[in-house]
Protein backbone atom coordinates (compact mmCIF):
# COMPACT_ATOMS: atom_id res chain seq x y z
CA MET A 1 128.44 92.27 70.51
CA VAL A 2 126.01 95.17 70.06
CA ASN A 3 123.58 93.62 72.56
CA SER A 4 126.38 93.06 75.06
CA LEU A 5 127.53 96.67 74.79
CA LEU A 6 123.97 97.91 75.11
CA GLN A 7 123.40 95.80 78.23
CA ARG A 8 126.57 97.16 79.83
CA LEU A 9 125.55 100.72 78.96
CA LEU A 10 122.08 100.25 80.46
CA ALA A 11 123.59 98.61 83.56
CA GLY A 12 125.78 101.68 84.03
CA LEU A 13 122.92 104.11 83.54
CA PHE A 14 120.29 102.14 85.47
CA PRO A 15 122.07 99.78 87.86
CA ASP A 16 120.13 97.13 89.74
CA TYR A 17 120.10 97.38 93.51
CA CYS A 18 119.54 94.47 95.85
CA SER A 19 115.97 94.39 97.13
CA LEU A 20 117.18 93.06 100.49
CA CYS A 21 120.32 94.96 101.45
CA GLY A 22 120.01 97.96 99.11
CA LEU A 23 123.52 97.68 97.68
CA ARG A 24 124.38 97.36 93.98
CA SER A 25 123.51 93.82 92.98
CA GLN A 26 126.30 93.70 90.33
CA ARG A 27 124.03 91.72 87.98
CA ASP A 28 120.78 92.03 86.04
CA LEU A 29 118.62 90.91 88.98
CA PRO A 30 117.66 92.98 92.04
CA LEU A 31 119.32 90.56 94.47
CA CYS A 32 123.02 90.39 95.27
CA LEU A 33 124.82 87.09 95.59
CA ASN A 34 125.49 87.58 99.30
CA CYS A 35 121.78 87.96 100.04
CA GLU A 36 120.89 85.10 97.72
CA ARG A 37 123.20 82.84 99.72
CA GLU A 38 121.13 83.68 102.82
CA LEU A 39 118.04 82.06 101.27
CA GLN A 40 117.31 78.49 102.36
CA ALA A 41 116.90 75.80 99.71
CA ASN A 42 114.27 73.12 100.31
CA THR A 43 116.44 70.15 99.37
CA ALA A 44 115.44 67.32 101.77
CA CYS A 45 111.66 67.22 101.42
CA CYS A 46 108.66 65.01 100.73
CA HIS A 47 108.19 64.28 97.04
CA ARG A 48 104.41 64.64 97.28
CA CYS A 49 103.94 67.78 99.43
CA ALA A 50 107.50 69.25 99.69
CA ILE A 51 107.36 69.40 103.50
CA PRO A 52 110.96 69.57 104.81
CA LEU A 53 112.16 66.21 106.13
CA PRO A 54 115.05 65.35 108.45
CA PRO A 55 118.32 64.94 106.54
CA ALA A 56 119.38 61.39 105.76
CA PRO A 57 121.92 59.83 108.17
CA LEU A 58 125.51 59.77 107.03
CA THR A 59 125.70 56.01 107.59
CA GLY A 60 123.34 53.19 106.75
CA PRO A 61 121.46 52.34 103.56
CA ALA A 62 121.06 54.94 100.84
CA PRO A 63 117.83 56.94 101.14
CA ALA A 64 115.01 56.40 98.68
CA PRO A 65 115.25 58.78 95.70
CA GLN A 66 111.67 59.96 96.27
CA LYS A 67 110.92 60.23 99.98
CA VAL A 68 107.28 60.57 101.01
CA CYS A 69 106.19 61.85 104.40
CA GLY A 70 103.87 59.90 106.67
CA SER A 71 100.90 62.20 106.07
CA CYS A 72 101.08 61.75 102.28
CA GLN A 73 101.46 57.99 102.67
CA GLN A 74 98.38 57.85 104.88
CA THR A 75 96.27 60.33 102.90
CA PRO A 76 97.68 60.92 99.39
CA PRO A 77 96.86 64.43 98.09
CA PRO A 78 95.00 64.91 94.78
CA TYR A 79 98.23 65.91 93.02
CA GLN A 80 101.31 63.82 92.25
CA ARG A 81 104.10 66.20 93.23
CA VAL A 82 104.86 69.60 94.74
CA VAL A 83 107.92 71.47 93.48
CA ALA A 84 108.81 74.16 96.02
CA PRO A 85 112.57 74.69 95.80
CA TRP A 86 112.90 77.25 98.61
CA LEU A 87 111.87 77.43 102.25
CA TYR A 88 109.64 80.31 103.28
CA CYS A 89 112.30 82.03 105.36
CA GLU A 90 112.25 85.64 106.53
CA ARG A 91 114.20 87.05 103.58
CA LEU A 92 112.20 85.28 100.89
CA ALA A 93 108.95 86.13 102.71
CA TYR A 94 109.94 89.81 102.53
CA LEU A 95 110.44 89.61 98.75
CA ILE A 96 107.22 87.69 98.15
CA GLN A 97 105.15 90.05 100.29
CA ARG A 98 106.51 93.12 98.47
CA TRP A 99 105.75 91.42 95.15
CA LYS A 100 102.30 90.21 96.12
CA PHE A 101 100.88 92.93 98.38
CA HIS A 102 102.79 96.08 97.45
CA GLY A 103 102.49 95.92 93.67
CA GLU A 104 106.20 95.34 92.97
CA SER A 105 105.66 93.22 89.88
CA ARG A 106 109.24 94.06 88.80
CA LEU A 107 110.29 91.28 91.21
CA THR A 108 108.62 88.63 89.00
CA PRO A 109 111.76 87.93 86.90
CA LEU A 110 113.84 87.59 90.06
CA LEU A 111 111.45 85.12 91.70
CA ALA A 112 111.12 83.09 88.50
CA SER A 113 114.92 83.01 88.18
CA LEU A 114 115.24 81.72 91.75
CA TRP A 115 112.76 78.93 90.97
CA LEU A 116 114.39 77.93 87.70
CA GLN A 117 117.93 77.84 89.07
CA GLN A 118 116.86 75.20 91.61
CA VAL A 119 114.66 73.08 89.31
CA ASP A 120 116.51 71.13 86.64
CA GLU A 121 113.59 69.57 84.77
CA PRO A 122 110.26 71.33 85.40
CA GLY A 123 108.33 69.44 82.71
CA PRO A 124 106.99 67.82 80.77
CA VAL A 125 103.53 69.31 81.12
CA ASP A 126 100.78 70.10 78.64
CA LEU A 127 99.20 73.00 80.50
CA ILE A 128 100.31 75.54 83.09
CA VAL A 129 97.39 76.69 85.24
CA PRO A 130 97.93 79.61 87.65
CA ILE A 131 95.78 79.65 90.78
CA PRO A 132 92.90 82.00 89.86
CA LEU A 133 91.90 84.95 92.03
CA HIS A 134 88.31 85.95 92.58
CA TRP A 135 87.48 88.93 90.37
CA ARG A 136 87.09 91.24 93.37
CA ARG A 137 90.55 90.45 94.71
CA LEU A 138 92.01 90.68 91.21
CA TRP A 139 90.44 94.13 90.83
CA GLN A 140 91.79 95.24 94.22
CA ARG A 141 95.32 93.93 93.64
CA GLY A 142 95.53 94.76 89.95
CA PHE A 143 97.25 91.50 88.96
CA ASN A 144 97.33 87.80 89.70
CA GLN A 145 100.79 87.04 91.05
CA SER A 146 100.48 83.35 90.16
CA GLU A 147 99.76 84.23 86.52
CA LEU A 148 102.75 86.60 86.40
CA LEU A 149 104.99 83.85 87.75
CA ALA A 150 103.55 81.24 85.37
CA ARG A 151 104.17 83.47 82.34
CA GLN A 152 107.73 84.18 83.42
CA LEU A 153 108.55 80.52 84.04
CA ARG A 154 107.14 79.49 80.67
CA SER A 155 108.99 82.19 78.72
CA HIS A 156 112.37 81.49 80.35
CA SER A 157 112.45 77.68 80.40
CA PRO A 158 113.13 75.88 77.10
CA GLY A 159 111.54 72.75 78.53
CA LEU A 160 108.22 74.55 78.85
CA ALA A 161 108.09 75.99 75.33
CA ALA A 162 105.46 73.46 74.25
CA ALA A 163 103.29 73.93 77.35
CA ARG A 164 100.27 76.18 77.03
CA LEU A 165 99.30 78.73 79.65
CA ASP A 166 95.65 78.21 80.57
CA HIS A 167 94.46 81.13 82.71
CA ARG A 168 90.91 81.45 81.40
CA SER A 169 89.37 77.99 81.82
CA THR A 170 89.49 77.93 85.62
CA ARG A 171 87.96 80.50 87.92
CA ARG A 172 87.34 81.10 91.59
CA SER A 173 83.57 80.89 91.70
CA ARG A 174 83.14 82.58 95.07
CA PRO A 175 85.24 84.88 97.26
CA THR A 176 87.12 83.15 100.05
CA ARG A 177 88.40 84.63 103.27
CA ALA A 178 92.10 85.39 103.65
CA GLN A 179 93.70 82.20 104.95
CA SER A 180 96.55 83.58 107.03
CA GLY A 181 96.06 82.41 110.60
CA MET A 182 93.77 79.52 109.61
CA GLY A 183 94.58 75.91 110.37
CA ALA A 184 94.50 73.12 107.80
CA VAL A 185 90.88 72.12 108.53
CA GLN A 186 89.67 75.73 108.33
CA ARG A 187 91.53 76.33 105.08
CA ALA A 188 90.02 73.21 103.50
CA ALA A 189 86.51 74.28 104.54
CA ASN A 190 87.13 77.81 103.29
CA LEU A 191 88.06 76.51 99.82
CA ARG A 192 85.45 73.77 99.42
CA ASP A 193 83.83 74.13 95.97
CA ALA A 194 85.69 77.42 95.44
CA PHE A 195 86.92 76.57 91.91
CA THR A 196 85.10 75.73 88.69
CA VAL A 197 86.31 74.87 85.18
CA ASN A 198 84.60 75.33 81.82
CA ARG A 199 86.38 72.62 79.80
CA ARG A 200 87.66 69.05 79.94
CA TYR A 201 91.26 68.16 80.77
CA ASP A 202 91.19 64.50 79.72
CA ASN A 203 94.58 62.81 80.32
CA LEU A 204 96.45 66.13 80.29
CA ARG A 205 99.58 66.77 82.38
CA ILE A 206 98.99 69.97 84.32
CA ALA A 207 101.21 72.18 86.48
CA ILE A 208 99.35 74.37 88.97
CA VAL A 209 101.36 77.51 89.78
CA ASP A 210 101.07 79.31 93.13
CA ASP A 211 103.37 81.50 95.20
CA VAL A 212 103.69 79.79 98.60
CA PHE A 213 102.64 76.29 99.68
CA THR A 214 101.43 76.24 103.29
CA THR A 215 98.87 73.53 104.11
CA GLY A 216 98.16 72.77 100.46
CA ALA A 217 94.44 73.48 100.80
CA THR A 218 94.30 75.85 97.82
CA ALA A 219 96.30 73.58 95.53
CA ALA A 220 94.30 70.53 96.65
CA ALA A 221 90.97 72.23 95.98
CA LEU A 222 91.99 73.23 92.45
CA ALA A 223 93.69 69.88 91.77
CA LEU A 224 90.53 68.01 92.78
CA THR A 225 88.49 70.18 90.41
CA LEU A 226 90.94 69.48 87.57
CA ARG A 227 90.96 65.75 88.33
CA ASN A 228 87.17 65.69 88.17
CA ALA A 229 87.51 67.30 84.73
CA GLY A 230 89.75 64.43 83.58
CA ALA A 231 93.33 65.61 84.28
CA GLY A 232 95.79 62.71 84.14
CA HIS A 233 98.74 64.08 86.12
CA ILE A 234 98.98 67.19 88.29
CA ASP A 235 102.07 68.90 89.68
CA VAL A 236 102.06 71.96 91.92
CA TRP A 237 104.82 74.52 91.38
CA CYS A 238 105.45 77.08 94.11
CA LEU A 239 108.26 79.41 95.01
CA ALA A 240 108.50 78.31 98.62
CA ARG A 241 107.27 75.82 101.20
CA THR A 242 106.48 76.74 104.76
CA PRO A 243 107.95 74.37 107.35
CA ALA A 244 105.71 72.24 109.53
CA PRO A 245 104.20 74.04 112.56
CA GLY A 246 106.66 74.00 115.42
CA ALA A 247 109.60 73.07 113.16
């Protein structure tokens, strides 16, 4: 009762405002329900890379529970699954860019909450590995957004209580160019041999955490490094998935 009264008192003194429309959010998160409903869930997607797929027809045989796109069938990625519960739409892009590039780390609980409300069973995993930043970019930005998200997901999901956050054993061994505007082939070349690890991951179940999944080049480069170090199963957890070019 005391905690409830204190929360109501704090809400009255320091109300949360929606980060999109600017109105009172009427809850403990800086996003009102009306704006949240404008976000686009990534429900019909490939199990392996989370690329949005056409919705299943209303008639005919029931769709397979785990649909896999043609690209992943032809060339399976070095990870087993991508969990990206939202589409990278304009509104979510605005929140992520403020969080990532404008130092608004206060948005971390909101973004983690959006991920968790769409993902029923995130585990089981043994380790959670945020995508590492090169030390120069980390110094410039002041934080690693993937590590912030990973910590928030772990602390607010009972299913991840036993998972360990491993943010020291992997590192980005060389600076890479910003990948916005690059195609898939350029991104892959940019990230070749960009990651190193200083331990073994024999038979461990690992979740790589990143913010946005575009071509998958970053996740694939780190996943391949972890596989070479013995990882048994690798998931990639991201906030959002960009649609296919031209979609």
